[in-house]
């Protein structure tokens, strides 16, 4: 049990050592992709909601 915890902590430590802070361009690109995804999901939800009101009302 303790060895599994130690292995997991070592794995987390390796990830944190390898991880780096994104530069400005990468951060902006990621934010744009996230906003597009959120907007798309919201639009799909709006369409489904509108269709449900249209056909069920």
Foldseek 3Di string as FASTA:
>chain_A
DVVVVVVVVVVVVVCVVPDDDDDPVVVVVVVVVVVVVVVVVVVVVVVVVVVCVVPVD
